[in-house]
Amino acid sequence: NSNDSVTLRLMTEHDLAMLYEWLNRSHIVEWWGGEEARPTLADVQEQYLPSVLAQESVTPYIAMLNGEPIGYAQSYVALG
């Protein structure tokens, strides 16, 4: 739809439970390490919280479609 709005907002600590749920969806698990790699909430917190708190060089975002969260994105300096 031409009226759709896609934006990125900074990920917050409050988004970690949602990210955990996303990473455990079957169609994501299939491409994200398989069944044996399903993360726990503690795994997601350990891996993503430092970025959320700006303790790493990766900046995490939540992709939004018309104000609704639809995905995860990140930015970082690839070289340099």
C-alpha atoms as a PDB file:
ATOM      1  CA  ASN A   1       0.000   0.000   0.000  1.00  0.00           C
ATOM      2  CA  SER A   2       1.414   3.406  -0.923  1.00  0.00           C
ATOM      3  CA  ASN A   3       0.291   4.810   2.437  1.00  0.00           C
ATOM      4  CA  ASP A   4       2.334   2.279   4.420  1.00  0.00           C
ATOM      5  CA  SER A   5       5.122   3.678   6.547  1.00  0.00           C
ATOM      6  CA  VAL A   6       8.227   1.619   7.339  1.00  0.00           C
ATOM      7  CA  THR A   7      10.502   3.040  10.018  1.00  0.00           C
ATOM      8  CA  LEU A   8      13.274   1.900  12.332  1.00  0.00           C
ATOM      9  CA  ARG A   9      13.345   2.751  16.010  1.00  0.00           C
ATOM     10  CA  LEU A  10      16.078   2.015  18.501  1.00  0.00           C
ATOM     11  CA  MET A  11      15.582  -1.293  20.261  1.00  0.00           C
ATOM     12  CA  THR A  12      15.059  -1.082  24.022  1.00  0.00           C
ATOM     13  CA  GLU A  13      15.348  -3.552  26.861  1.00  0.00           C
ATOM     14  CA  HIS A  14      11.545  -3.901  26.732  1.00  0.00           C
ATOM     15  CA  ASP A  15      11.838  -5.402  23.222  1.00  0.00           C
ATOM     16  CA  LEU A  16      13.925  -8.397  24.338  1.00  0.00           C
ATOM     17  CA  ALA A  17      10.902 -10.587  25.179  1.00  0.00           C
ATOM     18  CA  MET A  18       9.408  -9.849  21.744  1.00  0.00           C
ATOM     19  CA  LEU A  19      12.713 -10.658  20.047  1.00  0.00           C
ATOM     20  CA  TYR A  20      12.874 -13.912  22.033  1.00  0.00           C
ATOM     21  CA  GLU A  21       9.393 -14.829  20.776  1.00  0.00           C
ATOM     22  CA  TRP A  22      10.348 -13.976  17.189  1.00  0.00           C
ATOM     23  CA  LEU A  23      13.567 -16.014  17.346  1.00  0.00           C
ATOM     24  CA  ASN A  24      11.585 -19.042  18.521  1.00  0.00           C
ATOM     25  CA  ARG A  25       9.062 -19.024  15.667  1.00  0.00           C
ATOM     26  CA  SER A  26       9.387 -22.161  13.542  1.00  0.00           C
ATOM     27  CA  HIS A  27      10.050 -20.327  10.278  1.00  0.00           C
ATOM     28  CA  ILE A  28      12.852 -18.344  11.963  1.00  0.00           C
ATOM     29  CA  VAL A  29      14.383 -21.298  13.833  1.00  0.00           C
ATOM     30  CA  GLU A  30      14.685 -23.100  10.499  1.00  0.00           C
ATOM     31  CA  TRP A  31      17.100 -20.410   9.237  1.00  0.00           C
ATOM     32  CA  TRP A  32      18.634 -19.316  12.549  1.00  0.00           C
ATOM     33  CA  GLY A  33      20.527 -22.399  13.693  1.00  0.00           C
ATOM     34  CA  GLY A  34      17.832 -25.064  13.806  1.00  0.00           C
ATOM     35  CA  GLU A  35      15.965 -26.642  16.700  1.00  0.00           C
ATOM     36  CA  GLU A  36      19.108 -27.285  18.750  1.00  0.00           C
ATOM     37  CA  ALA A  37      19.941 -23.569  18.637  1.00  0.00           C
ATOM     38  CA  ARG A  38      16.582 -22.247  19.939  1.00  0.00           C
ATOM     39  CA  PRO A  39      17.494 -19.432  22.336  1.00  0.00           C
ATOM     40  CA  THR A  40      16.120 -19.050  25.845  1.00  0.00           C
ATOM     41  CA  LEU A  41      15.050 -15.625  27.073  1.00  0.00           C
ATOM     42  CA  ALA A  42      18.299 -15.526  29.073  1.00  0.00           C
ATOM     43  CA  ASP A  43      20.269 -16.240  25.863  1.00  0.00           C
ATOM     44  CA  VAL A  44      18.538 -13.351  24.067  1.00  0.00           C
ATOM     45  CA  GLN A  45      19.152 -11.017  26.995  1.00  0.00           C
ATOM     46  CA  GLU A  46      22.820 -12.004  27.176  1.00  0.00           C
ATOM     47  CA  GLN A  47      23.373 -11.583  23.442  1.00  0.00           C
ATOM     48  CA  TYR A  48      21.354  -8.418  22.753  1.00  0.00           C
ATOM     49  CA  LEU A  49      21.257  -6.409  26.005  1.00  0.00           C
ATOM     50  CA  PRO A  50      24.832  -5.073  25.664  1.00  0.00           C
ATOM     51  CA  SER A  51      23.903  -3.625  22.247  1.00  0.00           C
ATOM     52  CA  VAL A  52      20.679  -2.151  23.616  1.00  0.00           C
ATOM     53  CA  LEU A  53      22.675  -0.500  26.395  1.00  0.00           C
ATOM     54  CA  ALA A  54      25.191   0.861  23.847  1.00  0.00           C
ATOM     55  CA  GLN A  55      28.018  -1.220  25.304  1.00  0.00           C
ATOM     56  CA  GLU A  56      28.907  -2.594  21.866  1.00  0.00           C
ATOM     57  CA  SER A  57      29.488  -1.085  18.434  1.00  0.00           C
ATOM     58  CA  VAL A  58      26.289  -2.686  17.077  1.00  0.00           C
ATOM     59  CA  THR A  59      23.157  -0.534  17.139  1.00  0.00           C
ATOM     60  CA  PRO A  60      19.956  -2.632  17.259  1.00  0.00           C
ATOM     61  CA  TYR A  61      16.633  -1.463  15.807  1.00  0.00           C
ATOM     62  CA  ILE A  62      13.056  -2.667  15.624  1.00  0.00           C
ATOM     63  CA  ALA A  63      11.538  -2.321  12.163  1.00  0.00           C
ATOM     64  CA  MET A  64       8.044  -0.879  12.272  1.00  0.00           C
ATOM     65  CA  LEU A  65       5.234  -1.001   9.699  1.00  0.00           C
ATOM     66  CA  ASN A  66       2.587   1.625  10.374  1.00  0.00           C
ATOM     67  CA  GLY A  67       3.642   1.717  14.023  1.00  0.00           C
ATOM     68  CA  GLU A  68       3.616  -2.077  14.507  1.00  0.00           C
ATOM     69  CA  PRO A  69       6.839  -4.036  15.102  1.00  0.00           C
ATOM     70  CA  ILE A  70       7.674  -6.365  12.203  1.00  0.00           C
ATOM     71  CA  GLY A  71      11.373  -7.171  12.444  1.00  0.00           C
ATOM     72  CA  TYR A  72      14.870  -6.670  13.743  1.00  0.00           C
ATOM     73  CA  ALA A  73      17.699  -4.744  12.076  1.00  0.00           C
ATOM     74  CA  GLN A  74      21.124  -3.586  13.153  1.00  0.00           C
ATOM     75  CA  SER A  75      23.833  -1.233  12.011  1.00  0.00           C
ATOM     76  CA  TYR A  76      27.564  -1.361  12.596  1.00  0.00           C
ATOM     77  CA  VAL A  77      30.801  -0.240  10.999  1.00  0.00           C
ATOM     78  CA  ALA A  78      31.830  -3.138   8.754  1.00  0.00           C
ATOM     79  CA  LEU A  79      35.355  -1.937   8.023  1.00  0.00           C
ATOM     80  CA  GLY A  80      37.329   0.366  10.209  1.00  0.00           C
END
